[in-house]
Amino acid sequence: MIRAEVRRQGGEIRYLRVRGHADAGPPGHDLVCAAVSAVVQTALLGLREIDPAAPPGEIHDGDVRWQGTATEAGQAILAACVVGLKDIARSHSGSLSLREKEEYA
């Protein structure tokens, strides 16, 4: 199962972690894993391009982590990523769980 976690402060996304494998198909043919990877990696690439002052995030074999602050444009990219993850989680709840949390400073 892929586990995604989003933490917000004041409504802004400050932390995103996606880890694990969907196990929804054979290696190289797992469409859920491919969809999640495409959504998350595209968001990080977009963030680097649009908001270069934001932290770049880390990607290591099935574990993606981003933490920090982002501009309004960067937040829009992160929010679009979360929308995509929510949609995949609705369609494939056995392969992706998404947890969102509002933290208070």
PDB file of N, CA and C in Angstrom:
ATOM      1  N   MET A   1       0.834  -1.178   0.000  1.00  0.00           N
ATOM      2  CA  MET A   1       0.000   0.000   0.000  1.00  0.00           C
ATOM      3  C   MET A   1       0.881   1.243   0.000  1.00  0.00           C
ATOM      4  N   ILE A   2       0.463   2.231  -0.768  1.00  0.00           N
ATOM      5  CA  ILE A   2       1.120   3.536  -0.756  1.00  0.00           C
ATOM      6  C   ILE A   2       0.462   4.362   0.338  1.00  0.00           C
ATOM      7  N   ARG A   3       1.291   5.003   1.133  1.00  0.00           N
ATOM      8  CA  ARG A   3       0.789   5.867   2.197  1.00  0.00           C
ATOM      9  C   ARG A   3       1.237   7.296   1.910  1.00  0.00           C
ATOM     10  N   ALA A   4       0.277   8.186   1.842  1.00  0.00           N
ATOM     11  CA  ALA A   4       0.567   9.607   1.614  1.00  0.00           C
ATOM     12  C   ALA A   4       0.124  10.385   2.842  1.00  0.00           C
ATOM     13  N   GLU A   5       0.954  11.332   3.222  1.00  0.00           N
ATOM     14  CA  GLU A   5       0.651  12.167   4.381  1.00  0.00           C
ATOM     15  C   GLU A   5       0.881  13.621   4.003  1.00  0.00           C
ATOM     16  N   VAL A   6      -0.091  14.458   4.344  1.00  0.00           N
ATOM     17  CA  VAL A   6      -0.012  15.894   4.080  1.00  0.00           C
ATOM     18  C   VAL A   6      -0.233  16.608   5.410  1.00  0.00           C
ATOM     19  N   ARG A   7       0.667  17.517   5.727  1.00  0.00           N
ATOM     20  CA  ARG A   7       0.515  18.338   6.933  1.00  0.00           C
ATOM     21  C   ARG A   7       0.447  19.795   6.511  1.00  0.00           C
ATOM     22  N   ARG A   8      -0.479  20.508   7.124  1.00  0.00           N
ATOM     23  CA  ARG A   8      -0.678  21.924   6.822  1.00  0.00           C
ATOM     24  C   ARG A   8      -0.508  22.758   8.082  1.00  0.00           C
ATOM     25  N   GLN A   9      -0.106  23.992   7.878  1.00  0.00           N
ATOM     26  CA  GLN A   9      -0.088  25.001   8.935  1.00  0.00           C
ATOM     27  C   GLN A   9      -0.765  26.231   8.371  1.00  0.00           C
ATOM     28  N   GLY A  10      -1.810  26.687   9.045  1.00  0.00           N
ATOM     29  CA  GLY A  10      -2.542  27.847   8.545  1.00  0.00           C
ATOM     30  C   GLY A  10      -3.114  27.614   7.169  1.00  0.00           C
ATOM     31  N   GLY A  11      -3.438  26.381   6.852  1.00  0.00           N
ATOM     32  CA  GLY A  11      -3.988  26.032   5.549  1.00  0.00           C
ATOM     33  C   GLY A  11      -2.946  25.763   4.474  1.00  0.00           C
ATOM     34  N   GLU A  12      -1.704  26.170   4.706  1.00  0.00           N
ATOM     35  CA  GLU A  12      -0.650  25.950   3.712  1.00  0.00           C
ATOM     36  C   GLU A  12      -0.006  24.582   3.896  1.00  0.00           C
ATOM     37  N   ILE A  13       0.270  23.935   2.788  1.00  0.00           N
ATOM     38  CA  ILE A  13       0.950  22.643   2.833  1.00  0.00           C
ATOM     39  C   ILE A  13       2.400  22.887   3.236  1.00  0.00           C
ATOM     40  N   ARG A  14       2.826  22.215   4.288  1.00  0.00           N
ATOM     41  CA  ARG A  14       4.189  22.368   4.788  1.00  0.00           C
ATOM     42  C   ARG A  14       4.966  21.055   4.731  1.00  0.00           C
ATOM     43  N   TYR A  15       4.250  19.939   4.505  1.00  0.00           N
ATOM     44  CA  TYR A  15       4.900  18.627   4.522  1.00  0.00           C
ATOM     45  C   TYR A  15       4.110  17.692   3.628  1.00  0.00           C
ATOM     46  N   LEU A  16       4.821  16.957   2.789  1.00  0.00           N
ATOM     47  CA  LEU A  16       4.217  15.946   1.931  1.00  0.00           C
ATOM     48  C   LEU A  16       5.142  14.750   1.921  1.00  0.00           C
ATOM     49  N   ARG A  17       4.594  13.598   2.246  1.00  0.00           N
ATOM     50  CA  ARG A  17       5.382  12.366   2.172  1.00  0.00           C
ATOM     51  C   ARG A  17       4.531  11.294   1.511  1.00  0.00           C
ATOM     52  N   VAL A  18       5.119  10.614   0.564  1.00  0.00           N
ATOM     53  CA  VAL A  18       4.464   9.512  -0.134  1.00  0.00           C
ATOM     54  C   VAL A  18       5.455   8.367  -0.164  1.00  0.00           C
ATOM     55  N   ARG A  19       5.027   7.224   0.362  1.00  0.00           N
ATOM     56  CA  ARG A  19       5.959   6.094   0.425  1.00  0.00           C
ATOM     57  C   ARG A  19       5.222   4.778   0.244  1.00  0.00           C
ATOM     58  N   GLY A  20       5.976   3.802  -0.184  1.00  0.00           N
ATOM     59  CA  GLY A  20       5.436   2.464  -0.353  1.00  0.00           C
ATOM     60  C   GLY A  20       5.158   2.139  -1.810  1.00  0.00           C
ATOM     61  N   HIS A  21       4.558   0.988  -1.989  1.00  0.00           N
ATOM     62  CA  HIS A  21       4.211   0.508  -3.328  1.00  0.00           C
ATOM     63  C   HIS A  21       2.764   0.037  -3.330  1.00  0.00           C
ATOM     64  N   ALA A  22       2.074   0.255  -4.421  1.00  0.00           N
ATOM     65  CA  ALA A  22       0.643  -0.062  -4.504  1.00  0.00           C
ATOM     66  C   ALA A  22       0.377  -1.555  -4.546  1.00  0.00           C
ATOM     67  N   ASP A  23       1.273  -2.317  -5.147  1.00  0.00           N
ATOM     68  CA  ASP A  23       1.057  -3.753  -5.342  1.00  0.00           C
ATOM     69  C   ASP A  23      -0.278  -4.023  -6.045  1.00  0.00           C
ATOM     70  N   ALA A  24      -0.607  -3.166  -7.016  1.00  0.00           N
ATOM     71  CA  ALA A  24      -1.852  -3.304  -7.765  1.00  0.00           C
ATOM     72  C   ALA A  24      -1.615  -3.940  -9.135  1.00  0.00           C
ATOM     73  N   GLY A  25      -0.426  -4.445  -9.361  1.00  0.00           N
ATOM     74  CA  GLY A  25      -0.090  -5.082 -10.622  1.00  0.00           C
ATOM     75  C   GLY A  25       1.345  -5.545 -10.572  1.00  0.00           C
ATOM     76  N   PRO A  26       1.757  -6.302 -11.570  1.00  0.00           N
ATOM     77  CA  PRO A  26       3.140  -6.773 -11.573  1.00  0.00           C
ATOM     78  C   PRO A  26       4.123  -5.607 -11.722  1.00  0.00           C
ATOM     79  N   PRO A  27       5.347  -5.775 -11.208  1.00  0.00           N
ATOM     80  CA  PRO A  27       6.343  -4.709 -11.329  1.00  0.00           C
ATOM     81  C   PRO A  27       6.471  -4.224 -12.776  1.00  0.00           C
ATOM     82  N   GLY A  28       6.464  -2.917 -12.922  1.00  0.00           N
ATOM     83  CA  GLY A  28       6.548  -2.329 -14.255  1.00  0.00           C
ATOM     84  C   GLY A  28       5.207  -2.165 -14.936  1.00  0.00           C
ATOM     85  N   HIS A  29       4.147  -2.741 -14.343  1.00  0.00           N
ATOM     86  CA  HIS A  29       2.812  -2.664 -14.944  1.00  0.00           C
ATOM     87  C   HIS A  29       1.760  -2.251 -13.916  1.00  0.00           C
ATOM     88  N   ASP A  30       2.190  -1.681 -12.819  1.00  0.00           N
ATOM     89  CA  ASP A  30       1.291  -1.252 -11.746  1.00  0.00           C
ATOM     90  C   ASP A  30       0.823   0.167 -12.053  1.00  0.00           C
ATOM     91  N   LEU A  31      -0.404   0.289 -12.553  1.00  0.00           N
ATOM     92  CA  LEU A  31      -0.905   1.591 -12.984  1.00  0.00           C
ATOM     93  C   LEU A  31      -1.145   2.548 -11.822  1.00  0.00           C
ATOM     94  N   VAL A  32      -1.510   2.036 -10.651  1.00  0.00           N
ATOM     95  CA  VAL A  32      -1.710   2.905  -9.493  1.00  0.00           C
ATOM     96  C   VAL A  32      -0.376   3.513  -9.077  1.00  0.00           C
ATOM     97  N   CYS A  33       0.643   2.686  -8.996  1.00  0.00           N
ATOM     98  CA  CYS A  33       1.977   3.164  -8.634  1.00  0.00           C
ATOM     99  C   CYS A  33       2.462   4.190  -9.662  1.00  0.00           C
ATOM    100  N   ALA A  34       2.231   3.914 -10.914  1.00  0.00           N
ATOM    101  CA  ALA A  34       2.649   4.830 -11.977  1.00  0.00           C
ATOM    102  C   ALA A  34       1.906   6.163 -11.870  1.00  0.00           C
ATOM    103  N   ALA A  35       0.612   6.115 -11.581  1.00  0.00           N
ATOM    104  CA  ALA A  35      -0.178   7.343 -11.462  1.00  0.00           C
ATOM    105  C   ALA A  35       0.293   8.190 -10.280  1.00  0.00           C
ATOM    106  N   VAL A  36       0.488   7.556  -9.140  1.00  0.00           N
ATOM    107  CA  VAL A  36       0.953   8.287  -7.958  1.00  0.00           C
ATOM    108  C   VAL A  36       2.332   8.884  -8.217  1.00  0.00           C
ATOM    109  N   SER A  37       3.217   8.100  -8.796  1.00  0.00           N
ATOM    110  CA  SER A  37       4.561   8.590  -9.099  1.00  0.00           C
ATOM    111  C   SER A  37       4.514   9.783 -10.039  1.00  0.00           C
ATOM    112  N   ALA A  38       3.686   9.701 -11.066  1.00  0.00           N
ATOM    113  CA  ALA A  38       3.586  10.799 -12.031  1.00  0.00           C
ATOM    114  C   ALA A  38       3.059  12.069 -11.374  1.00  0.00           C
ATOM    115  N   VAL A  39       2.031  11.948 -10.553  1.00  0.00           N
ATOM    116  CA  VAL A  39       1.451  13.117  -9.888  1.00  0.00           C
ATOM    117  C   VAL A  39       2.468  13.773  -8.957  1.00  0.00           C
ATOM    118  N   VAL A  40       3.113  12.978  -8.118  1.00  0.00           N
ATOM    119  CA  VAL A  40       4.022  13.517  -7.108  1.00  0.00           C
ATOM    120  C   VAL A  40       5.309  14.047  -7.741  1.00  0.00           C
ATOM    121  N   GLN A  41       5.894  13.306  -8.648  1.00  0.00           N
ATOM    122  CA  GLN A  41       7.139  13.759  -9.265  1.00  0.00           C
ATOM    123  C   GLN A  41       6.916  14.991 -10.130  1.00  0.00           C
ATOM    124  N   THR A  42       5.784  15.064 -10.814  1.00  0.00           N
ATOM    125  CA  THR A  42       5.484  16.252 -11.606  1.00  0.00           C
ATOM    126  C   THR A  42       5.313  17.466 -10.698  1.00  0.00           C
ATOM    127  N   ALA A  43       4.683  17.274  -9.543  1.00  0.00           N
ATOM    128  CA  ALA A  43       4.526  18.382  -8.596  1.00  0.00           C
ATOM    129  C   ALA A  43       5.884  18.882  -8.112  1.00  0.00           C
ATOM    130  N   LEU A  44       6.778  17.977  -7.772  1.00  0.00           N
ATOM    131  CA  LEU A  44       8.097  18.404  -7.305  1.00  0.00           C
ATOM    132  C   LEU A  44       8.886  19.092  -8.413  1.00  0.00           C
ATOM    133  N   LEU A  45       8.799  18.575  -9.629  1.00  0.00           N
ATOM    134  CA  LEU A  45       9.475  19.224 -10.753  1.00  0.00           C
ATOM    135  C   LEU A  45       8.889  20.613 -11.009  1.00  0.00           C
ATOM    136  N   GLY A  46       7.568  20.720 -10.950  1.00  0.00           N
ATOM    137  CA  GLY A  46       6.913  22.008 -11.139  1.00  0.00           C
ATOM    138  C   GLY A  46       7.283  22.990 -10.048  1.00  0.00           C
ATOM    139  N   LEU A  47       7.361  22.509  -8.832  1.00  0.00           N
ATOM    140  CA  LEU A  47       7.745  23.355  -7.707  1.00  0.00           C
ATOM    141  C   LEU A  47       9.153  23.903  -7.900  1.00  0.00           C
ATOM    142  N   ARG A  48      10.066  23.047  -8.347  1.00  0.00           N
ATOM    143  CA  ARG A  48      11.449  23.491  -8.597  1.00  0.00           C
ATOM    144  C   ARG A  48      11.502  24.561  -9.688  1.00  0.00           C
ATOM    145  N   GLU A  49      10.654  24.417 -10.686  1.00  0.00           N
ATOM    146  CA  GLU A  49      10.649  25.353 -11.819  1.00  0.00           C
ATOM    147  C   GLU A  49       9.965  26.676 -11.457  1.00  0.00           C
ATOM    148  N   ILE A  50       8.826  26.598 -10.798  1.00  0.00           N
ATOM    149  CA  ILE A  50       7.996  27.769 -10.534  1.00  0.00           C
ATOM    150  C   ILE A  50       8.407  28.508  -9.258  1.00  0.00           C
ATOM    151  N   ASP A  51       8.888  27.742  -8.271  1.00  0.00           N
ATOM    152  CA  ASP A  51       9.222  28.321  -6.965  1.00  0.00           C
ATOM    153  C   ASP A  51      10.609  27.834  -6.526  1.00  0.00           C
ATOM    154  N   PRO A  52      11.660  28.298  -7.195  1.00  0.00           N
ATOM    155  CA  PRO A  52      13.000  27.776  -6.920  1.00  0.00           C
ATOM    156  C   PRO A  52      13.500  28.024  -5.491  1.00  0.00           C
ATOM    157  N   ALA A  53      12.881  28.954  -4.768  1.00  0.00           N
ATOM    158  CA  ALA A  53      13.290  29.195  -3.382  1.00  0.00           C
ATOM    159  C   ALA A  53      12.737  28.127  -2.431  1.00  0.00           C
ATOM    160  N   ALA A  54      11.735  27.392  -2.867  1.00  0.00           N
ATOM    161  CA  ALA A  54      11.157  26.325  -2.040  1.00  0.00           C
ATOM    162  C   ALA A  54      12.134  25.146  -1.995  1.00  0.00           C
ATOM    163  N   PRO A  55      12.125  24.384  -0.901  1.00  0.00           N
ATOM    164  CA  PRO A  55      12.991  23.206  -0.838  1.00  0.00           C
ATOM    165  C   PRO A  55      12.683  22.250  -1.991  1.00  0.00           C
ATOM    166  N   PRO A  56      13.696  21.567  -2.518  1.00  0.00           N
ATOM    167  CA  PRO A  56      13.479  20.716  -3.689  1.00  0.00           C
ATOM    168  C   PRO A  56      12.760  19.400  -3.397  1.00  0.00           C
ATOM    169  N   GLY A  57      12.786  18.930  -2.182  1.00  0.00           N
ATOM    170  CA  GLY A  57      12.206  17.623  -1.875  1.00  0.00           C
ATOM    171  C   GLY A  57      13.208  16.526  -2.162  1.00  0.00           C
ATOM    172  N   GLU A  58      12.898  15.345  -1.686  1.00  0.00           N
ATOM    173  CA  GLU A  58      13.783  14.183  -1.846  1.00  0.00           C
ATOM    174  C   GLU A  58      12.993  13.010  -2.400  1.00  0.00           C
ATOM    175  N   ILE A  59      13.612  12.289  -3.294  1.00  0.00           N
ATOM    176  CA  ILE A  59      13.007  11.087  -3.859  1.00  0.00           C
ATOM    177  C   ILE A  59      14.010   9.956  -3.723  1.00  0.00           C
ATOM    178  N   HIS A  60      13.628   8.911  -2.994  1.00  0.00           N
ATOM    179  CA  HIS A  60      14.485   7.736  -2.801  1.00  0.00           C
ATOM    180  C   HIS A  60      13.635   6.480  -2.887  1.00  0.00           C
ATOM    181  N   ASP A  61      13.803   5.691  -3.911  1.00  0.00           N
ATOM    182  CA  ASP A  61      13.180   4.384  -4.083  1.00  0.00           C
ATOM    183  C   ASP A  61      11.856   4.203  -3.338  1.00  0.00           C
ATOM    184  N   GLY A  62      10.811   4.748  -3.885  1.00  0.00           N
ATOM    185  CA  GLY A  62       9.486   4.555  -3.308  1.00  0.00           C
ATOM    186  C   GLY A  62       9.183   5.436  -2.112  1.00  0.00           C
ATOM    187  N   ASP A  63      10.012   6.424  -1.848  1.00  0.00           N
ATOM    188  CA  ASP A  63       9.791   7.324  -0.715  1.00  0.00           C
ATOM    189  C   ASP A  63      10.068   8.754  -1.176  1.00  0.00           C
ATOM    190  N   VAL A  64       9.027   9.572  -1.178  1.00  0.00           N
ATOM    191  CA  VAL A  64       9.141  10.964  -1.579  1.00  0.00           C
ATOM    192  C   VAL A  64       8.810  11.821  -0.363  1.00  0.00           C
ATOM    193  N   ARG A  65       9.649  12.820  -0.130  1.00  0.00           N
ATOM    194  CA  ARG A  65       9.415  13.698   1.015  1.00  0.00           C
ATOM    195  C   ARG A  65       9.716  15.136   0.624  1.00  0.00           C
ATOM    196  N   TRP A  66       8.775  16.021   0.955  1.00  0.00           N
ATOM    197  CA  TRP A  66       8.968  17.457   0.784  1.00  0.00           C
ATOM    198  C   TRP A  66       8.532  18.131   2.069  1.00  0.00           C
ATOM    199  N   GLN A  67       9.327  19.099   2.525  1.00  0.00           N
ATOM    200  CA  GLN A  67       8.976  19.829   3.730  1.00  0.00           C
ATOM    201  C   GLN A  67       9.506  21.241   3.615  1.00  0.00           C
ATOM    202  N   GLY A  68       8.686  22.208   3.965  1.00  0.00           N
ATOM    203  CA  GLY A  68       9.132  23.584   3.940  1.00  0.00           C
ATOM    204  C   GLY A  68       7.999  24.538   3.661  1.00  0.00           C
ATOM    205  N   THR A  69       8.353  25.676   3.100  1.00  0.00           N
ATOM    206  CA  THR A  69       7.368  26.680   2.723  1.00  0.00           C
ATOM    207  C   THR A  69       7.472  26.922   1.228  1.00  0.00           C
ATOM    208  N   ALA A  70       6.386  27.409   0.677  1.00  0.00           N
ATOM    209  CA  ALA A  70       6.330  27.686  -0.760  1.00  0.00           C
ATOM    210  C   ALA A  70       5.514  28.949  -0.984  1.00  0.00           C
ATOM    211  N   THR A  71       5.777  29.609  -2.098  1.00  0.00           N
ATOM    212  CA  THR A  71       5.011  30.794  -2.480  1.00  0.00           C
ATOM    213  C   THR A  71       3.583  30.388  -2.818  1.00  0.00           C
ATOM    214  N   GLU A  72       2.777  31.371  -3.136  1.00  0.00           N
ATOM    215  CA  GLU A  72       1.387  31.093  -3.524  1.00  0.00           C
ATOM    216  C   GLU A  72       1.346  30.164  -4.743  1.00  0.00           C
ATOM    217  N   ALA A  73       2.214  30.407  -5.710  1.00  0.00           N
ATOM    218  CA  ALA A  73       2.268  29.542  -6.898  1.00  0.00           C
ATOM    219  C   ALA A  73       2.719  28.136  -6.519  1.00  0.00           C
ATOM    220  N   GLY A  74       3.710  28.047  -5.628  1.00  0.00           N
ATOM    221  CA  GLY A  74       4.165  26.741  -5.159  1.00  0.00           C
ATOM    222  C   GLY A  74       3.074  26.005  -4.411  1.00  0.00           C
ATOM    223  N   GLN A  75       2.308  26.738  -3.591  1.00  0.00           N
ATOM    224  CA  GLN A  75       1.197  26.115  -2.865  1.00  0.00           C
ATOM    225  C   GLN A  75       0.138  25.582  -3.835  1.00  0.00           C
ATOM    226  N   ALA A  76      -0.080  26.297  -4.926  1.00  0.00           N
ATOM    227  CA  ALA A  76      -1.049  25.835  -5.929  1.00  0.00           C
ATOM    228  C   ALA A  76      -0.593  24.510  -6.536  1.00  0.00           C
ATOM    229  N   ILE A  77       0.694  24.385  -6.789  1.00  0.00           N
ATOM    230  CA  ILE A  77       1.233  23.134  -7.332  1.00  0.00           C
ATOM    231  C   ILE A  77       1.059  22.008  -6.325  1.00  0.00           C
ATOM    232  N   LEU A  78       1.405  22.267  -5.073  1.00  0.00           N
ATOM    233  CA  LEU A  78       1.249  21.249  -4.030  1.00  0.00           C
ATOM    234  C   LEU A  78      -0.218  20.866  -3.843  1.00  0.00           C
ATOM    235  N   ALA A  79      -1.100  21.864  -3.882  1.00  0.00           N
ATOM    236  CA  ALA A  79      -2.531  21.589  -3.737  1.00  0.00           C
ATOM    237  C   ALA A  79      -3.042  20.730  -4.894  1.00  0.00           C
ATOM    238  N   ALA A  80      -2.574  21.000  -6.102  1.00  0.00           N
ATOM    239  CA  ALA A  80      -2.981  20.183  -7.256  1.00  0.00           C
ATOM    240  C   ALA A  80      -2.504  18.746  -7.080  1.00  0.00           C
ATOM    241  N   CYS A  81      -1.320  18.574  -6.533  1.00  0.00           N
ATOM    242  CA  CYS A  81      -0.805  17.234  -6.247  1.00  0.00           C
ATOM    243  C   CYS A  81      -1.730  16.504  -5.276  1.00  0.00           C
ATOM    244  N   VAL A  82      -2.145  17.193  -4.222  1.00  0.00           N
ATOM    245  CA  VAL A  82      -3.030  16.579  -3.223  1.00  0.00           C
ATOM    246  C   VAL A  82      -4.382  16.226  -3.844  1.00  0.00           C
ATOM    247  N   VAL A  83      -4.905  17.084  -4.708  1.00  0.00           N
ATOM    248  CA  VAL A  83      -6.163  16.785  -5.405  1.00  0.00           C
ATOM    249  C   VAL A  83      -6.016  15.502  -6.223  1.00  0.00           C
ATOM    250  N   GLY A  84      -4.902  15.376  -6.926  1.00  0.00           N
ATOM    251  CA  GLY A  84      -4.647  14.164  -7.712  1.00  0.00           C
ATOM    252  C   GLY A  84      -4.549  12.934  -6.836  1.00  0.00           C
ATOM    253  N   LEU A  85      -3.847  13.048  -5.712  1.00  0.00           N
ATOM    254  CA  LEU A  85      -3.724  11.910  -4.791  1.00  0.00           C
ATOM    255  C   LEU A  85      -5.083  11.526  -4.209  1.00  0.00           C
ATOM    256  N   LYS A  86      -5.900  12.516  -3.868  1.00  0.00           N
ATOM    257  CA  LYS A  86      -7.243  12.226  -3.340  1.00  0.00           C
ATOM    258  C   LYS A  86      -8.070  11.445  -4.350  1.00  0.00           C
ATOM    259  N   ASP A  87      -7.980  11.855  -5.605  1.00  0.00           N
ATOM    260  CA  ASP A  87      -8.752  11.174  -6.649  1.00  0.00           C
ATOM    261  C   ASP A  87      -8.296   9.726  -6.818  1.00  0.00           C
ATOM    262  N   ILE A  88      -6.993   9.520  -6.809  1.00  0.00           N
ATOM    263  CA  ILE A  88      -6.474   8.146  -6.925  1.00  0.00           C
ATOM    264  C   ILE A  88      -6.885   7.333  -5.703  1.00  0.00           C
ATOM    265  N   ALA A  89      -6.811   7.921  -4.512  1.00  0.00           N
ATOM    266  CA  ALA A  89      -7.193   7.217  -3.286  1.00  0.00           C
ATOM    267  C   ALA A  89      -8.673   6.834  -3.306  1.00  0.00           C
ATOM    268  N   ARG A  90      -9.527   7.707  -3.845  1.00  0.00           N
ATOM    269  CA  ARG A  90     -10.963   7.376  -3.944  1.00  0.00           C
ATOM    270  C   ARG A  90     -11.184   6.178  -4.868  1.00  0.00           C
ATOM    271  N   SER A  91     -10.470   6.149  -5.955  1.00  0.00           N
ATOM    272  CA  SER A  91     -10.643   5.085  -6.941  1.00  0.00           C
ATOM    273  C   SER A  91      -9.941   3.790  -6.552  1.00  0.00           C
ATOM    274  N   HIS A  92      -8.883   3.896  -5.751  1.00  0.00           N
ATOM    275  CA  HIS A  92      -8.052   2.725  -5.429  1.00  0.00           C
ATOM    276  C   HIS A  92      -7.706   2.716  -3.940  1.00  0.00           C
ATOM    277  N   SER A  93      -8.753   2.708  -3.110  1.00  0.00           N
ATOM    278  CA  SER A  93      -8.544   2.821  -1.657  1.00  0.00           C
ATOM    279  C   SER A  93      -7.740   1.658  -1.080  1.00  0.00           C
ATOM    280  N   GLY A  94      -7.710   0.538  -1.749  1.00  0.00           N
ATOM    281  CA  GLY A  94      -6.924  -0.590  -1.279  1.00  0.00           C
ATOM    282  C   GLY A  94      -5.445  -0.471  -1.610  1.00  0.00           C
ATOM    283  N   SER A  95      -5.094   0.514  -2.430  1.00  0.00           N
ATOM    284  CA  SER A  95      -3.706   0.678  -2.863  1.00  0.00           C
ATOM    285  C   SER A  95      -3.068   1.978  -2.394  1.00  0.00           C
ATOM    286  N   LEU A  96      -3.900   2.966  -2.029  1.00  0.00           N
ATOM    287  CA  LEU A  96      -3.384   4.269  -1.608  1.00  0.00           C
ATOM    288  C   LEU A  96      -4.220   4.808  -0.460  1.00  0.00           C
ATOM    289  N   SER A  97      -3.548   5.147   0.630  1.00  0.00           N
ATOM    290  CA  SER A  97      -4.228   5.844   1.728  1.00  0.00           C
ATOM    291  C   SER A  97      -3.634   7.240   1.830  1.00  0.00           C
ATOM    292  N   LEU A  98      -4.481   8.216   2.085  1.00  0.00           N
ATOM    293  CA  LEU A  98      -4.064   9.604   2.185  1.00  0.00           C
ATOM    294  C   LEU A  98      -4.545  10.161   3.513  1.00  0.00           C
ATOM    295  N   ARG A  99      -3.612  10.686   4.277  1.00  0.00           N
ATOM    296  CA  ARG A  99      -3.936  11.281   5.572  1.00  0.00           C
ATOM    297  C   ARG A  99      -3.544  12.755   5.536  1.00  0.00           C
ATOM    298  N   GLU A 100      -4.477  13.613   5.911  1.00  0.00           N
ATOM    299  CA  GLU A 100      -4.211  15.040   5.973  1.00  0.00           C
ATOM    300  C   GLU A 100      -4.370  15.508   7.410  1.00  0.00           C
ATOM    301  N   LYS A 101      -3.497  16.432   7.798  1.00  0.00           N
ATOM    302  CA  LYS A 101      -3.503  16.902   9.176  1.00  0.00           C
ATOM    303  C   LYS A 101      -3.190  18.392   9.198  1.00  0.00           C
ATOM    304  N   GLU A 102      -3.958  19.150   9.973  1.00  0.00           N
ATOM    305  CA  GLU A 102      -3.670  20.550  10.210  1.00  0.00           C
ATOM    306  C   GLU A 102      -2.883  20.641  11.507  1.00  0.00           C
ATOM    307  N   GLU A 103      -1.707  21.239  11.427  1.00  0.00           N
ATOM    308  CA  GLU A 103      -0.880  21.398  12.626  1.00  0.00           C
ATOM    309  C   GLU A 103      -0.915  22.846  13.061  1.00  0.00           C
ATOM    310  N   TYR A 104      -0.783  23.038  14.332  1.00  0.00           N
ATOM    311  CA  TYR A 104      -0.797  24.386  14.890  1.00  0.00           C
ATOM    312  C   TYR A 104       0.559  24.672  15.493  1.00  0.00           C
ATOM    313  N   ALA A 105       1.123  25.821  15.158  1.00  0.00           N
ATOM    314  CA  ALA A 105       2.473  26.179  15.616  1.00  0.00           C
ATOM    315  C   ALA A 105       2.512  26.427  17.104  1.00  0.00           C
TER     316      ALA A 105
END
